[in-house]
C-alpha atoms as a PDB file:
ATOM      1  CA  MET A   1     -34.285  -5.859  -3.548  1.00  0.00           C
ATOM      2  CA  TRP A   2     -33.027  -9.359  -3.367  1.00  0.00           C
ATOM      3  CA  VAL A   3     -29.553  -7.864  -2.425  1.00  0.00           C
ATOM      4  CA  GLN A   4     -30.823  -6.185   0.324  1.00  0.00           C
ATOM      5  CA  ILE A   5     -32.842  -9.180   1.656  1.00  0.00           C
ATOM      6  CA  THR A   6     -29.876 -11.395   1.295  1.00  0.00           C
ATOM      7  CA  LEU A   7     -27.549  -8.828   3.187  1.00  0.00           C
ATOM      8  CA  GLY A   8     -30.253  -8.702   5.998  1.00  0.00           C
ATOM      9  CA  VAL A   9     -30.282 -12.396   6.402  1.00  0.00           C
ATOM     10  CA  LEU A  10     -26.435 -12.580   6.524  1.00  0.00           C
ATOM     11  CA  VAL A  11     -26.350  -9.910   9.060  1.00  0.00           C
ATOM     12  CA  LEU A  12     -29.191 -11.613  11.098  1.00  0.00           C
ATOM     13  CA  THR A  13     -27.269 -14.906  10.897  1.00  0.00           C
ATOM     14  CA  ALA A  14     -24.178 -13.040  12.021  1.00  0.00           C
ATOM     15  CA  GLY A  15     -25.902 -11.534  15.047  1.00  0.00           C
ATOM     16  CA  VAL A  16     -27.051 -14.944  16.015  1.00  0.00           C
ATOM     17  CA  LEU A  17     -23.750 -16.341  15.715  1.00  0.00           C
ATOM     18  CA  MET A  18     -22.236 -13.818  17.904  1.00  0.00           C
ATOM     19  CA  LEU A  19     -24.843 -14.148  20.444  1.00  0.00           C
ATOM     20  CA  LEU A  20     -24.013 -17.991  20.465  1.00  0.00           C
ATOM     21  CA  GLU A  21     -20.280 -16.933  21.114  1.00  0.00           C
ATOM     22  CA  VAL A  22     -21.520 -14.854  24.085  1.00  0.00           C
ATOM     23  CA  ALA A  23     -23.321 -17.811  25.389  1.00  0.00           C
ATOM     24  CA  ASP A  24     -20.245 -20.059  25.280  1.00  0.00           C
ATOM     25  CA  VAL A  25     -21.761 -22.096  22.572  1.00  0.00           C
ATOM     26  CA  GLU A  26     -19.263 -22.411  19.816  1.00  0.00           C
ATOM     27  CA  ALA A  27     -20.580 -22.230  16.276  1.00  0.00           C
ATOM     28  CA  PRO A  28     -19.180 -24.699  13.449  1.00  0.00           C
ATOM     29  CA  PRO A  29     -16.507 -22.863  11.537  1.00  0.00           C
ATOM     30  CA  LEU A  30     -17.955 -24.169   8.392  1.00  0.00           C
ATOM     31  CA  LEU A  31     -21.150 -22.249   8.961  1.00  0.00           C
ATOM     32  CA  GLN A  32     -19.072 -19.170   9.971  1.00  0.00           C
ATOM     33  CA  THR A  33     -17.333 -19.490   6.525  1.00  0.00           C
ATOM     34  CA  VAL A  34     -20.481 -19.821   4.694  1.00  0.00           C
ATOM     35  CA  VAL A  35     -21.934 -16.633   6.340  1.00  0.00           C
ATOM     36  CA  LEU A  36     -18.672 -14.655   5.584  1.00  0.00           C
ATOM     37  CA  LEU A  37     -18.398 -15.772   2.136  1.00  0.00           C
ATOM     38  CA  GLY A  38     -22.184 -14.988   1.628  1.00  0.00           C
ATOM     39  CA  GLY A  39     -21.452 -11.511   2.739  1.00  0.00           C
ATOM     40  CA  ALA A  40     -18.412 -11.367   0.413  1.00  0.00           C
ATOM     41  CA  ALA A  41     -20.625 -12.397  -2.504  1.00  0.00           C
ATOM     42  CA  VAL A  42     -23.226  -9.947  -1.981  1.00  0.00           C
ATOM     43  CA  PHE A  43     -20.881  -6.837  -1.757  1.00  0.00           C
ATOM     44  CA  GLY A  44     -18.840  -8.422  -4.684  1.00  0.00           C
ATOM     45  CA  TYR A  45     -22.060  -8.390  -6.858  1.00  0.00           C
ATOM     46  CA  VAL A  46     -22.879  -4.618  -6.000  1.00  0.00           C
ATOM     47  CA  PHE A  47     -19.338  -3.836  -6.836  1.00  0.00           C
ATOM     48  CA  PHE A  48     -19.389  -5.353 -10.309  1.00  0.00           C
ATOM     49  CA  ALA A  49     -23.057  -4.436 -11.103  1.00  0.00           C
ATOM     50  CA  SER A  50     -22.621  -0.760 -10.495  1.00  0.00           C
ATOM     51  CA  ARG A  51     -19.663   1.353 -11.387  1.00  0.00           C
ATOM     52  CA  ASP A  52     -20.467   3.849  -9.022  1.00  0.00           C
ATOM     53  CA  ASP A  53     -20.366   1.418  -6.065  1.00  0.00           C
ATOM     54  CA  TRP A  54     -16.736   0.958  -5.722  1.00  0.00           C
ATOM     55  CA  TRP A  55     -16.869   1.158  -2.115  1.00  0.00           C
ATOM     56  CA  ALA A  56     -18.435  -2.385  -2.047  1.00  0.00           C
ATOM     57  CA  ALA A  57     -14.990  -3.827  -2.957  1.00  0.00           C
ATOM     58  CA  LEU A  58     -13.696  -2.855   0.524  1.00  0.00           C
ATOM     59  CA  PRO A  59     -16.378  -5.000   2.626  1.00  0.00           C
ATOM     60  CA  SER A  60     -16.329  -7.692   0.034  1.00  0.00           C
ATOM     61  CA  ALA A  61     -12.533  -8.084   0.325  1.00  0.00           C
ATOM     62  CA  ALA A  62     -12.779  -7.812   4.303  1.00  0.00           C
ATOM     63  CA  LEU A  63     -15.260 -10.455   4.551  1.00  0.00           C
ATOM     64  CA  ALA A  64     -13.502 -12.844   2.046  1.00  0.00           C
ATOM     65  CA  GLY A  65     -10.375 -12.546   4.235  1.00  0.00           C
ATOM     66  CA  ALA A  66     -12.166 -13.195   7.384  1.00  0.00           C
ATOM     67  CA  ALA A  67     -13.720 -16.371   5.586  1.00  0.00           C
ATOM     68  CA  ILE A  68     -10.051 -17.361   4.679  1.00  0.00           C
ATOM     69  CA  VAL A  69      -8.773 -16.823   8.108  1.00  0.00           C
ATOM     70  CA  THR A  70     -11.650 -18.899   9.467  1.00  0.00           C
ATOM     71  CA  VAL A  71     -10.685 -21.841   7.353  1.00  0.00           C
ATOM     72  CA  MET A  72      -7.015 -21.626   8.000  1.00  0.00           C
ATOM     73  CA  ASP A  73      -7.712 -21.434  11.803  1.00  0.00           C
ATOM     74  CA  MET A  74      -8.719 -24.924  11.456  1.00  0.00           C
ATOM     75  CA  SER A  75      -5.334 -26.124  10.926  1.00  0.00           C
ATOM     76  CA  PRO A  76      -2.895 -24.835  13.619  1.00  0.00           C
ATOM     77  CA  ALA A  77      -0.014 -25.447  11.272  1.00  0.00           C
ATOM     78  CA  VAL A  78      -1.451 -23.174   8.564  1.00  0.00           C
ATOM     79  CA  GLY A  79      -2.732 -20.485  10.958  1.00  0.00           C
ATOM     80  CA  GLY A  80      -0.839 -17.897  12.927  1.00  0.00           C
ATOM     81  CA  ARG A  81       1.088 -15.423  10.899  1.00  0.00           C
ATOM     82  CA  TRP A  82      -0.152 -16.955   7.461  1.00  0.00           C
ATOM     83  CA  ALA A  83      -3.732 -16.152   8.537  1.00  0.00           C
ATOM     84  CA  GLY A  84      -2.776 -12.524   9.471  1.00  0.00           C
ATOM     85  CA  ALA A  85      -0.854 -12.326   6.026  1.00  0.00           C
ATOM     86  CA  ALA A  86      -3.865 -13.640   4.208  1.00  0.00           C
ATOM     87  CA  MET A  87      -6.206 -10.976   6.029  1.00  0.00           C
ATOM     88  CA  LEU A  88      -4.173  -8.106   5.186  1.00  0.00           C
ATOM     89  CA  GLY A  89      -3.522  -9.324   1.506  1.00  0.00           C
ATOM     90  CA  ALA A  90      -7.269  -9.634   1.040  1.00  0.00           C
ATOM     91  CA  LEU A  91      -7.902  -6.117   2.499  1.00  0.00           C
ATOM     92  CA  GLY A  92      -5.171  -4.800   0.191  1.00  0.00           C
ATOM     93  CA  LEU A  93      -6.642  -6.170  -2.879  1.00  0.00           C
ATOM     94  CA  GLY A  94     -10.009  -4.431  -1.806  1.00  0.00           C
ATOM     95  CA  PHE A  95      -8.289  -1.276  -2.081  1.00  0.00           C
ATOM     96  CA  TRP A  96      -6.646  -2.134  -5.461  1.00  0.00           C
ATOM     97  CA  ALA A  97      -9.963  -3.315  -6.790  1.00  0.00           C
ATOM     98  CA  ALA A  98     -11.401   0.233  -5.866  1.00  0.00           C
ATOM     99  CA  TYR A  99      -8.568   1.969  -7.645  1.00  0.00           C
ATOM    100  CA  LEU A 100      -8.827   0.076 -10.725  1.00  0.00           C
ATOM    101  CA  ARG A 101     -12.538   0.491 -10.916  1.00  0.00           C
ATOM    102  CA  ASP A 102     -12.160   4.297 -11.022  1.00  0.00           C
ATOM    103  CA  ILE A 103      -8.567   5.689 -11.351  1.00  0.00           C
ATOM    104  CA  ARG A 104      -9.761   8.884  -9.893  1.00  0.00           C
ATOM    105  CA  HIS A 105      -9.472   7.299  -6.378  1.00  0.00           C
ATOM    106  CA  TRP A 106      -5.730   7.193  -6.454  1.00  0.00           C
ATOM    107  CA  TRP A 107      -5.706   7.657  -2.704  1.00  0.00           C
ATOM    108  CA  ALA A 108      -6.477   4.018  -2.584  1.00  0.00           C
ATOM    109  CA  ILE A 109      -3.051   3.010  -3.888  1.00  0.00           C
ATOM    110  CA  ILE A 110      -1.569   4.022  -0.588  1.00  0.00           C
ATOM    111  CA  PRO A 111      -3.656   1.680   1.674  1.00  0.00           C
ATOM    112  CA  GLY A 112      -3.558  -1.057  -1.063  1.00  0.00           C
ATOM    113  CA  GLY A 113       0.293  -0.982  -1.229  1.00  0.00           C
ATOM    114  CA  VAL A 114       0.792  -0.532   2.381  1.00  0.00           C
ATOM    115  CA  LEU A 115      -1.487  -3.520   3.447  1.00  0.00           C
ATOM    116  CA  ALA A 116       0.081  -5.652   0.783  1.00  0.00           C
ATOM    117  CA  THR A 117       3.496  -4.635   2.232  1.00  0.00           C
ATOM    118  CA  MET A 118       2.535  -5.614   5.657  1.00  0.00           C
ATOM    119  CA  ALA A 119       1.192  -9.248   4.319  1.00  0.00           C
ATOM    120  CA  ALA A 120       4.303  -9.854   2.825  1.00  0.00           C
ATOM    121  CA  THR A 121       6.320  -8.620   6.020  1.00  0.00           C
ATOM    122  CA  ILE A 122       4.223 -10.863   8.339  1.00  0.00           C
ATOM    123  CA  ALA A 123       4.568 -13.740   5.824  1.00  0.00           C
ATOM    124  CA  LEU A 124       8.507 -13.215   5.970  1.00  0.00           C
ATOM    125  CA  THR A 125       8.565 -13.168   9.664  1.00  0.00           C
ATOM    126  CA  GLY A 126      10.734 -16.093  11.080  1.00  0.00           C
ATOM    127  CA  ALA A 127      12.083 -16.942   7.584  1.00  0.00           C
ATOM    128  CA  VAL A 128      14.496 -13.742   7.625  1.00  0.00           C
ATOM    129  CA  GLU A 129      16.202 -11.756  10.115  1.00  0.00           C
ATOM    130  CA  GLY A 130      14.438  -9.014  11.747  1.00  0.00           C
ATOM    131  CA  PRO A 131      16.380  -6.056  10.149  1.00  0.00           C
ATOM    132  CA  THR A 132      15.774  -7.499   6.833  1.00  0.00           C
ATOM    133  CA  THR A 133      12.165  -7.790   7.467  1.00  0.00           C
ATOM    134  CA  GLY A 134      12.088  -3.960   8.449  1.00  0.00           C
ATOM    135  CA  ALA A 135      13.894  -3.148   5.409  1.00  0.00           C
ATOM    136  CA  VAL A 136      11.296  -5.163   3.277  1.00  0.00           C
ATOM    137  CA  PHE A 137       8.633  -3.170   4.753  1.00  0.00           C
ATOM    138  CA  LEU A 138      10.232   0.264   4.169  1.00  0.00           C
ATOM    139  CA  LEU A 139      10.996  -0.734   0.467  1.00  0.00           C
ATOM    140  CA  GLY A 140       7.445  -1.712   0.032  1.00  0.00           C
ATOM    141  CA  ALA A 141       6.083   1.522   1.466  1.00  0.00           C
ATOM    142  CA  ALA A 142       8.681   3.428  -0.819  1.00  0.00           C
ATOM    143  CA  ALA A 143       7.346   1.396  -3.882  1.00  0.00           C
ATOM    144  CA  THR A 144       3.906   2.468  -2.880  1.00  0.00           C
ATOM    145  CA  PHE A 145       4.441   6.043  -3.000  1.00  0.00           C
ATOM    146  CA  ALA A 146       6.352   5.610  -6.241  1.00  0.00           C
ATOM    147  CA  LEU A 147       3.249   4.052  -7.770  1.00  0.00           C
ATOM    148  CA  VAL A 148       1.194   7.050  -6.339  1.00  0.00           C
ATOM    149  CA  ALA A 149       3.506   9.253  -8.412  1.00  0.00           C
ATOM    150  CA  VAL A 150       3.769   7.325 -11.672  1.00  0.00           C
ATOM    151  CA  LEU A 151       0.219   5.526 -11.947  1.00  0.00           C
ATOM    152  CA  PRO A 152      -2.743   7.404 -13.617  1.00  0.00           C
ATOM    153  CA  GLY A 153      -5.704   9.051 -12.085  1.00  0.00           C
ATOM    154  CA  GLY A 154      -7.028  12.041 -10.066  1.00  0.00           C
ATOM    155  CA  ALA A 155      -6.428  15.661 -10.859  1.00  0.00           C
ATOM    156  CA  GLY A 156      -2.881  17.265 -11.019  1.00  0.00           C
ATOM    157  CA  ARG A 157       0.655  15.818 -10.859  1.00  0.00           C
ATOM    158  CA  ARG A 158       1.485  14.148  -7.781  1.00  0.00           C
ATOM    159  CA  TRP A 159       5.288  14.592  -7.857  1.00  0.00           C
ATOM    160  CA  TRP A 160       5.138  15.158  -3.975  1.00  0.00           C
ATOM    161  CA  ALA A 161       4.817  11.256  -3.655  1.00  0.00           C
ATOM    162  CA  TRP A 162       8.690  10.848  -4.677  1.00  0.00           C
ATOM    163  CA  ILE A 163       9.583  12.611  -1.489  1.00  0.00           C
ATOM    164  CA  PRO A 164       8.362   9.993   0.975  1.00  0.00           C
ATOM    165  CA  ALA A 165       9.503   7.304  -1.572  1.00  0.00           C
ATOM    166  CA  ALA A 166      12.971   8.715  -1.340  1.00  0.00           C
ATOM    167  CA  VAL A 167      12.930   9.048   2.368  1.00  0.00           C
ATOM    168  CA  LEU A 168      11.696   5.384   2.945  1.00  0.00           C
ATOM    169  CA  THR A 169      14.295   4.112   0.382  1.00  0.00           C
ATOM    170  CA  VAL A 170      17.106   5.797   2.389  1.00  0.00           C
ATOM    171  CA  ALA A 171      15.835   4.396   5.582  1.00  0.00           C
ATOM    172  CA  ALA A 172      15.499   0.912   4.104  1.00  0.00           C
ATOM    173  CA  VAL A 173      19.145   1.177   2.846  1.00  0.00           C
ATOM    174  CA  ALA A 174      20.267   2.196   6.361  1.00  0.00           C
ATOM    175  CA  VAL A 175      18.547  -0.489   7.819  1.00  0.00           C
ATOM    176  CA  LEU A 176      20.379  -2.997   5.553  1.00  0.00           C
ATOM    177  CA  LEU A 177      23.614  -1.338   6.272  1.00  0.00           C
ATOM    178  CA  SER A 178      23.029  -1.287   9.811  1.00  0.00           C
ATOM    179  CA  ALA A 179      22.210  -4.924   9.762  1.00  0.00           C
ATOM    180  CA  ALA A 180      25.495  -5.637   7.901  1.00  0.00           C
ATOM    181  CA  GLU A 181      27.285  -3.449  10.322  1.00  0.00           C
ATOM    182  CA  TRP A 182      28.693  -1.154   7.619  1.00  0.00           C
ATOM    183  CA  VAL A 183      28.537   1.723  10.167  1.00  0.00           C
ATOM    184  CA  LEU A 184      31.509   3.356   8.397  1.00  0.00           C
ATOM    185  CA  LEU A 185      30.001   3.438   5.128  1.00  0.00           C
ATOM    186  CA  LEU A 186      26.566   4.726   6.659  1.00  0.00           C
ATOM    187  CA  ASN A 187      28.421   7.434   8.626  1.00  0.00           C
ATOM    188  CA  LEU A 188      30.442   8.560   5.356  1.00  0.00           C
ATOM    189  CA  ALA A 189      27.272   8.548   3.312  1.00  0.00           C
ATOM    190  CA  GLY A 190      25.505  11.359   5.076  1.00  0.00           C
ATOM    191  CA  PRO A 191      28.331  13.938   4.675  1.00  0.00           C
ATOM    192  CA  LEU A 192      29.024  12.864   1.135  1.00  0.00           C
ATOM    193  CA  ALA A 193      25.314  13.313   0.109  1.00  0.00           C
ATOM    194  CA  ILE A 194      25.315  16.701   1.809  1.00  0.00           C
ATOM    195  CA  MET A 195      28.526  17.656  -0.152  1.00  0.00           C
ATOM    196  CA  PHE A 196      27.134  16.537  -3.275  1.00  0.00           C
ATOM    197  CA  ALA A 197      23.769  18.669  -2.866  1.00  0.00           C
ATOM    198  CA  GLY A 198      26.007  21.544  -2.249  1.00  0.00           C
ATOM    199  CA  ALA A 199      28.045  21.157  -5.266  1.00  0.00           C
ATOM    200  CA  PHE A 200      24.785  20.530  -7.303  1.00  0.00           C
ATOM    201  CA  LEU A 201      23.283  23.768  -5.975  1.00  0.00           C
ATOM    202  CA  ILE A 202      26.616  25.891  -6.891  1.00  0.00           C
ATOM    203  CA  TRP A 203      26.537  24.308 -10.336  1.00  0.00           C
ATOM    204  CA  ARG A 204      22.903  25.161 -11.141  1.00  0.00           C
ATOM    205  CA  ALA A 205      23.669  28.791  -9.883  1.00  0.00           C
ATOM    206  CA  LEU A 206      26.539  29.076 -12.278  1.00  0.00           C
ATOM    207  CA  GLN A 207      24.589  27.636 -15.094  1.00  0.00           C
ATOM    208  CA  ARG A 208      21.786  30.157 -14.635  1.00  0.00           C
ATOM    209  CA  ARG A 209      24.289  32.879 -14.362  1.00  0.00           C
ATOM    210  CA  SER A 210      25.837  31.814 -17.502  1.00  0.00           C
ATOM    211  CA  ALA A 211      22.681  31.590 -19.388  1.00  0.00           C
ATOM    212  CA  ARG A 212      21.629  35.141 -18.297  1.00  0.00           C
ATOM    213  CA  SER A 213      24.834  36.482 -19.341  1.00  0.00           C
ATOM    214  CA  GLY A 214      24.292  34.942 -22.863  1.00  0.00           C
ATOM    215  CA  LYS A 215      21.103  36.466 -23.068  1.00  0.00           C
ATOM    216  CA  THR A 216      22.286  40.037 -22.243  1.00  0.00           C
ATOM    217  CA  SER A 217      25.336  39.970 -24.443  1.00  0.00           C
ATOM    218  CA  SER A 218      23.538  38.551 -27.728  1.00  0.00           C
ATOM    219  CA  PRO A 219      23.078  41.434 -30.308  1.00  0.00           C
ATOM    220  CA  THR A 220      19.442  42.837 -30.974  1.00  0.00           C
ATOM    221  CA  PRO A 221      18.132  41.453 -34.182  1.00  0.00           C
ATOM    222  CA  GLY A 222      18.058  44.194 -37.045  1.00  0.00           C
ATOM    223  CA  LEU A 223      20.703  46.270 -35.654  1.00  0.00           C
ATOM    224  CA  SER A 224      23.750  44.394 -36.895  1.00  0.00           C
ATOM    225  CA  SER A 225      25.441  45.988 -40.016  1.00  0.00           C
END
């Protein structure tokens, strides 16, 4: 009951703050931070108190991220892209917490990994060149799908996740090659990869035919003299 009452008080306070904002009355950032952290704490308690309430990790992480952004916005030098990276990183942690609580929710790996990758990409903006930042995002997304394939949880094998992981990796390499102006090598890589795939298919067909021929020509047990 106290959880519901506390949450109700926080929601009521948030409504008052929004009403003050509509009336062009700016609420103190410290008060906003306290309200947001209070909501994050309430949902965090629900998450840790009951194993079935894994969903509470998501609003808890979102409110904690919003509180961090509110604090960072107090300093113009710290805000900007760092605030966006902090918010996305907090949301990603919420999804990872939901997965770690119950690995049957393997789907949470995808938003968790993508949000963490977006946070890293935003943090790198300005520090590295544009194509490199795009390659970092593609590699992070590829790593996310690779984790979907190898991490435990859920029912059945998730081999299909290797397909987007491979495609995203190739795209990241293509972006890096384009940034390095290795256009000739990139043009050669496609035909060579197709030739390799064709040769591999021919080799597999010959291997299967050889295996079938060996089974057919082998003597039947008990009939040899």
